[in-house]
């Protein structure tokens, strides 16, 4: 294809206890239009709700461009020139997988430029390789709920379909958070009791997310990472605690500071502090990245 459009969903990761292992695609989309040209590179970036894109580069360092270049090199193709038009709706640095979505769109573009269907395993290796873990990338690639793991140097993911009654709601704050910074707050070791707790809750979460949503509150309780990161976003931490006290299965989305609530109603109770957040119901995306000719 010489002109095509890529639609890629946002994602939420961890879902409470599934640190670096659970991901879920959400119905909020970045759209990248790609056209092959006679030469050079042109990148247009449009704020479609991402909350400001002034700091996004428009040269070879743009994340979509880097992913395209890496994928094209892997597949043995080299387009003469490219024109990209990126409409960003996924908020940046909020824990909704904006960087993973950019990488996945670039990987999908590389396969399209090579005239090949997206290879699930190969695409996952390329996309997850940018961040070193596959949770967000696999969710944006495949849609639905994903269980991700690494075996040696290979990334793997299993896609599951969440229970249809689950209606995710996100509360997005104005402030940003950097994954590298919040990951740096995590200790090198954790107590055995906390690891055992999360192993049990993660197993329960798979059951709750796919078959028994009534167990989501218990299943999303984490003792492995969220309290260590709490100083980075106290308002989000407080909102999670307040919602959970009201019976809502809430957790920090990815590296934060967005709060994820796994509801069956699509609404949040009017708890103190929620007015400081932009609250959105984002249904689970079941399709993953999509490529369409233009």
Protein backbone atom coordinates (compact mmCIF):
# COMPACT_ATOMS: atom_id res chain seq x y z
CA UNK A 1 0.00 0.00 0.00
CA UNK A 2 1.18 3.51 -0.76
CA UNK A 3 -1.51 5.37 1.19
CA UNK A 4 -3.28 4.01 4.26
CA UNK A 5 -4.75 4.86 7.65
CA UNK A 6 -3.90 3.17 10.93
CA UNK A 7 -6.23 3.29 13.93
CA UNK A 8 -4.71 2.15 17.21
CA UNK A 9 -6.40 1.94 20.63
CA UNK A 10 -5.20 3.21 23.98
CA UNK A 11 -4.49 0.69 26.69
CA UNK A 12 -4.40 0.29 30.44
CA UNK A 13 -1.88 -1.96 32.13
CA UNK A 14 -1.40 -3.81 35.42
CA UNK A 15 -5.14 -3.71 36.33
CA UNK A 16 -4.08 -3.76 39.97
CA UNK A 17 -2.00 -6.88 40.72
CA UNK A 18 -0.82 -7.81 37.20
CA UNK A 19 2.34 -5.71 37.13
CA UNK A 20 3.92 -5.80 33.64
CA UNK A 21 1.65 -8.74 32.83
CA UNK A 22 -1.95 -7.55 32.29
CA UNK A 23 -3.13 -5.14 29.62
CA UNK A 24 -6.49 -4.11 28.22
CA UNK A 25 -7.31 -2.12 25.08
CA UNK A 26 -9.63 0.88 25.47
CA UNK A 27 -11.82 2.68 22.94
CA UNK A 28 -9.75 5.83 22.60
CA UNK A 29 -7.76 6.06 19.39
CA UNK A 30 -4.77 7.64 17.72
CA UNK A 31 -5.06 7.79 13.96
CA UNK A 32 -2.01 7.84 11.69
CA UNK A 33 -2.34 8.51 7.96
CA UNK A 34 0.67 7.36 5.95
CA UNK A 35 1.51 8.21 2.36
CA UNK A 36 4.55 7.11 0.38
CA UNK A 37 6.24 10.04 -1.40
CA UNK A 38 9.13 10.46 -3.81
CA UNK A 39 11.53 11.37 -1.03
CA UNK A 40 12.09 12.97 2.36
CA UNK A 41 10.03 12.90 5.53
CA UNK A 42 7.11 15.10 6.55
CA UNK A 43 5.33 14.59 9.89
CA UNK A 44 2.22 16.50 10.90
CA UNK A 45 1.01 16.15 14.50
CA UNK A 46 -2.56 17.13 15.36
CA UNK A 47 -3.93 17.37 18.89
CA UNK A 48 -7.19 15.42 18.73
CA UNK A 49 -7.67 15.49 22.49
CA UNK A 50 -4.30 14.31 23.75
CA UNK A 51 -3.90 17.41 25.90
CA UNK A 52 -1.10 19.18 24.06
CA UNK A 53 1.36 17.86 21.52
CA UNK A 54 3.70 20.81 21.28
CA UNK A 55 6.59 18.72 22.59
CA UNK A 56 6.16 15.93 20.01
CA UNK A 57 9.02 15.91 17.45
CA UNK A 58 8.31 16.00 13.73
CA UNK A 59 11.57 14.50 12.48
CA UNK A 60 13.23 11.08 12.48
CA UNK A 61 13.03 10.96 16.29
CA UNK A 62 9.22 10.80 16.23
CA UNK A 63 8.26 7.49 17.84
CA UNK A 64 6.00 6.39 14.98
CA UNK A 65 8.78 7.11 12.48
CA UNK A 66 11.33 5.18 14.57
CA UNK A 67 8.99 2.19 14.72
CA UNK A 68 8.37 2.36 10.97
CA UNK A 69 12.10 2.48 10.25
CA UNK A 70 12.87 -0.46 12.54
CA UNK A 71 10.04 -2.56 11.10
CA UNK A 72 10.93 -1.75 7.49
CA UNK A 73 14.56 -2.68 8.17
CA UNK A 74 13.41 -5.95 9.73
CA UNK A 75 11.22 -6.72 6.71
CA UNK A 76 13.80 -5.63 4.15
CA UNK A 77 11.98 -2.65 2.61
CA UNK A 78 12.80 1.04 2.37
CA UNK A 79 10.16 3.53 1.23
CA UNK A 80 11.58 6.44 -0.81
CA UNK A 81 9.79 9.04 1.29
CA UNK A 82 7.00 9.34 3.82
CA UNK A 83 4.29 11.80 4.76
CA UNK A 84 2.68 11.10 8.15
CA UNK A 85 -0.35 12.83 9.59
CA UNK A 86 -0.78 11.85 13.27
CA UNK A 87 -4.03 12.74 15.04
CA UNK A 88 -3.34 12.08 18.73
CA UNK A 89 -6.29 11.50 21.03
CA UNK A 90 -4.55 9.35 23.65
CA UNK A 91 -3.25 11.63 26.42
CA UNK A 92 0.51 11.59 26.71
CA UNK A 93 2.28 10.48 29.91
CA UNK A 94 -0.97 9.62 31.68
CA UNK A 95 -0.73 5.82 31.93
CA UNK A 96 -2.94 5.09 28.91
CA UNK A 97 -0.33 3.56 26.64
CA UNK A 98 0.33 6.52 24.33
CA UNK A 99 3.91 5.47 23.57
CA UNK A 100 2.93 1.83 23.02
CA UNK A 101 0.15 2.96 20.67
CA UNK A 102 2.63 5.06 18.69
CA UNK A 103 5.01 2.13 18.40
CA UNK A 104 2.24 -0.28 17.39
CA UNK A 105 1.02 2.12 14.70
CA UNK A 106 4.57 2.36 13.36
CA UNK A 107 4.98 -1.42 13.33
CA UNK A 108 1.63 -1.83 11.55
CA UNK A 109 2.70 0.83 9.03
CA UNK A 110 5.94 -1.03 8.37
CA UNK A 111 4.08 -4.24 7.56
CA UNK A 112 1.71 -2.32 5.27
CA UNK A 113 4.63 -0.67 3.48
CA UNK A 114 6.12 -4.13 2.94
CA UNK A 115 2.82 -5.37 1.52
CA UNK A 116 2.49 -7.97 4.25
CA UNK A 117 -0.22 -8.89 6.70
CA UNK A 118 0.60 -8.14 10.30
CA UNK A 119 2.40 -11.15 11.79
CA UNK A 120 1.24 -11.37 15.43
CA UNK A 121 4.42 -12.84 16.86
CA UNK A 122 6.83 -10.74 14.82
CA UNK A 123 4.88 -7.54 15.40
CA UNK A 124 4.83 -8.19 19.14
CA UNK A 125 8.62 -8.67 19.22
CA UNK A 126 9.15 -5.38 17.41
CA UNK A 127 6.61 -3.38 19.42
CA UNK A 128 7.43 -4.74 22.87
CA UNK A 129 11.14 -4.36 22.20
CA UNK A 130 10.82 -0.59 22.43
CA UNK A 131 9.74 -0.69 26.10
CA UNK A 132 11.00 -4.04 27.33
CA UNK A 133 7.59 -5.40 28.31
CA UNK A 134 4.57 -6.40 26.28
CA UNK A 135 1.48 -5.45 28.29
CA UNK A 136 0.47 -2.17 26.62
CA UNK A 137 1.84 -3.09 23.20
CA UNK A 138 0.02 -6.43 23.10
CA UNK A 139 -3.25 -4.78 24.12
CA UNK A 140 -2.97 -2.19 21.33
CA UNK A 141 -1.99 -4.88 18.84
CA UNK A 142 -4.64 -7.49 19.63
CA UNK A 143 -7.41 -5.69 21.53
CA UNK A 144 -9.32 -7.16 24.47
CA UNK A 145 -7.56 -8.36 27.60
CA UNK A 146 -4.00 -9.62 27.26
CA UNK A 147 -1.74 -11.66 29.51
CA UNK A 148 1.87 -10.89 28.63
CA UNK A 149 5.15 -12.50 29.59
CA UNK A 150 8.75 -12.79 28.47
CA UNK A 151 10.59 -16.07 27.89
CA UNK A 152 14.29 -15.42 27.44
CA UNK A 153 14.50 -12.75 24.75
CA UNK A 154 11.02 -13.47 23.34
CA UNK A 155 7.82 -11.65 24.21
CA UNK A 156 4.53 -13.52 24.36
CA UNK A 157 0.90 -12.58 24.90
CA UNK A 158 -2.37 -14.43 25.18
CA UNK A 159 -5.53 -12.57 24.24
CA UNK A 160 -8.72 -13.10 26.24
CA UNK A 161 -12.16 -11.56 25.89
CA UNK A 162 -13.28 -9.64 28.98
CA UNK A 163 -16.72 -10.25 30.44
CA UNK A 164 -19.22 -8.16 28.43
CA UNK A 165 -20.63 -6.47 31.54
CA UNK A 166 -17.32 -4.77 32.36
CA UNK A 167 -17.41 -1.06 31.53
CA UNK A 168 -14.06 0.64 32.20
CA UNK A 169 -14.04 4.25 33.35
CA UNK A 170 -10.89 6.35 33.52
CA UNK A 171 -10.24 9.48 35.57
CA UNK A 172 -7.50 11.45 33.85
CA UNK A 173 -5.72 14.20 35.80
CA UNK A 174 -4.07 17.24 34.27
CA UNK A 175 -0.60 16.37 35.49
CA UNK A 176 1.69 14.00 33.67
CA UNK A 177 3.85 11.15 34.88
CA UNK A 178 6.93 9.52 33.36
CA UNK A 179 7.14 5.73 33.39
CA UNK A 180 10.89 5.83 33.91
CA UNK A 181 10.48 8.04 36.97
CA UNK A 182 7.72 6.01 38.60
CA UNK A 183 9.50 2.74 37.83
CA UNK A 184 12.49 4.18 39.66
CA UNK A 185 10.38 4.40 42.82
CA UNK A 186 10.03 0.61 42.96
CA UNK A 187 12.35 -1.26 45.34
CA UNK A 188 14.72 -3.94 44.02
CA UNK A 189 13.08 -6.56 46.25
CA UNK A 190 9.66 -6.97 47.88
CA UNK A 191 8.48 -9.01 50.87
CA UNK A 192 7.57 -12.60 50.09
CA UNK A 193 4.11 -12.05 51.60
CA UNK A 194 3.42 -9.22 49.14
CA UNK A 195 4.57 -11.32 46.18
CA UNK A 196 2.36 -14.20 47.31
CA UNK A 197 -0.58 -11.84 47.77
CA UNK A 198 -0.25 -10.51 44.23
CA UNK A 199 0.15 -13.95 42.72
CA UNK A 200 -3.16 -14.98 44.20
CA UNK A 201 -4.94 -11.77 43.27
CA UNK A 202 -3.60 -11.87 39.72
CA UNK A 203 -4.97 -15.39 39.29
CA UNK A 204 -8.29 -14.24 40.72
CA UNK A 205 -8.26 -11.22 38.39
CA UNK A 206 -8.19 -13.43 35.29
CA UNK A 207 -11.31 -15.19 36.54
CA UNK A 208 -13.00 -11.93 37.58
CA UNK A 209 -12.23 -10.16 34.31
CA UNK A 210 -13.50 -12.96 32.11
CA UNK A 211 -16.21 -14.74 34.10
CA UNK A 212 -17.10 -13.22 37.50
CA UNK A 213 -17.00 -9.41 37.58
CA UNK A 214 -18.49 -9.45 41.10
CA UNK A 215 -15.00 -10.45 42.29
CA UNK A 216 -13.23 -7.47 40.72
CA UNK A 217 -12.85 -5.46 43.91
CA UNK A 218 -10.92 -8.24 45.65
CA UNK A 219 -9.11 -9.21 42.45
CA UNK A 220 -7.67 -5.73 41.80
CA UNK A 221 -6.06 -5.29 45.23
CA UNK A 222 -2.33 -4.70 44.81
CA UNK A 223 0.58 -4.83 47.23
CA UNK A 224 3.43 -4.96 44.75
CA UNK A 225 3.79 -1.54 43.12
CA UNK A 226 1.06 1.07 43.66
CA UNK A 227 1.93 2.14 47.20
CA UNK A 228 5.58 2.61 46.26
CA UNK A 229 4.56 4.98 43.48
CA UNK A 230 2.01 6.87 45.57
CA UNK A 231 4.28 9.89 46.27
CA UNK A 232 4.41 10.60 42.52
CA UNK A 233 0.63 11.20 42.29
CA UNK A 234 -1.03 11.64 45.71
CA UNK A 235 -4.38 12.82 44.27
CA UNK A 236 -4.67 9.69 42.11
CA UNK A 237 -3.70 7.47 45.03
CA UNK A 238 -6.34 9.10 47.21
CA UNK A 239 -9.01 8.73 44.53
CA UNK A 240 -8.21 5.01 44.16
CA UNK A 241 -8.59 4.54 47.92
CA UNK A 242 -11.82 6.54 48.03
CA UNK A 243 -13.38 4.62 45.15
CA UNK A 244 -12.37 1.27 46.60
CA UNK A 245 -13.94 2.26 49.92
CA UNK A 246 -17.18 2.75 47.94
CA UNK A 247 -16.89 -0.75 46.45
CA UNK A 248 -15.47 0.31 43.08
CA UNK A 249 -12.65 -1.84 41.64
CA UNK A 250 -10.18 1.00 41.11
CA UNK A 251 -6.45 0.94 40.42
CA UNK A 252 -3.77 3.17 38.97
CA UNK A 253 -3.66 2.77 35.18
CA UNK A 254 -0.20 1.65 34.12
CA UNK A 255 2.47 3.98 35.46
CA UNK A 256 -0.20 6.56 36.30
CA UNK A 257 -1.44 9.06 37.09
CA UNK A 258 -4.76 8.09 35.45
CA UNK A 259 -7.13 6.10 37.64
CA UNK A 260 -8.85 3.05 36.14
CA UNK A 261 -12.21 1.89 37.49
CA UNK A 262 -13.58 -1.45 36.32
CA UNK A 263 -17.32 -0.89 36.67
CA UNK A 264 -20.46 -2.56 35.40
CA UNK A 265 -22.36 0.75 35.23
CA UNK A 266 -20.03 3.01 33.25
CA UNK A 267 -20.20 5.73 35.91
CA UNK A 268 -18.29 6.70 39.04
CA UNK A 269 -19.95 7.65 42.32
CA UNK A 270 -19.67 11.37 43.19
CA UNK A 271 -16.80 10.88 45.63
CA UNK A 272 -14.65 13.75 46.95
CA UNK A 273 -11.79 14.71 44.65
CA UNK A 274 -13.16 13.21 41.45
CA UNK A 275 -14.10 16.67 40.16
CA UNK A 276 -10.39 17.39 39.60
CA UNK A 277 -10.22 14.62 36.98
CA UNK A 278 -11.53 14.29 33.45
CA UNK A 279 -13.80 11.24 33.74
CA UNK A 280 -14.44 9.14 30.64
CA UNK A 281 -16.16 5.83 30.05
CA UNK A 282 -13.94 3.93 27.61
CA UNK A 283 -15.39 0.58 26.51
CA UNK A 284 -12.99 -2.27 25.93
CA UNK A 285 -11.66 -2.26 22.37
CA UNK A 286 -11.89 -5.79 20.99
CA UNK A 287 -10.27 -5.28 17.59
CA UNK A 288 -6.78 -3.91 18.24
CA UNK A 289 -4.82 -2.00 15.60
CA UNK A 290 -6.55 -1.59 12.24
CA UNK A 291 -5.03 -0.77 8.84
CA UNK A 292 -7.17 0.51 5.95
CA UNK A 293 -6.15 1.57 2.46
CA UNK A 294 -6.92 5.12 1.41
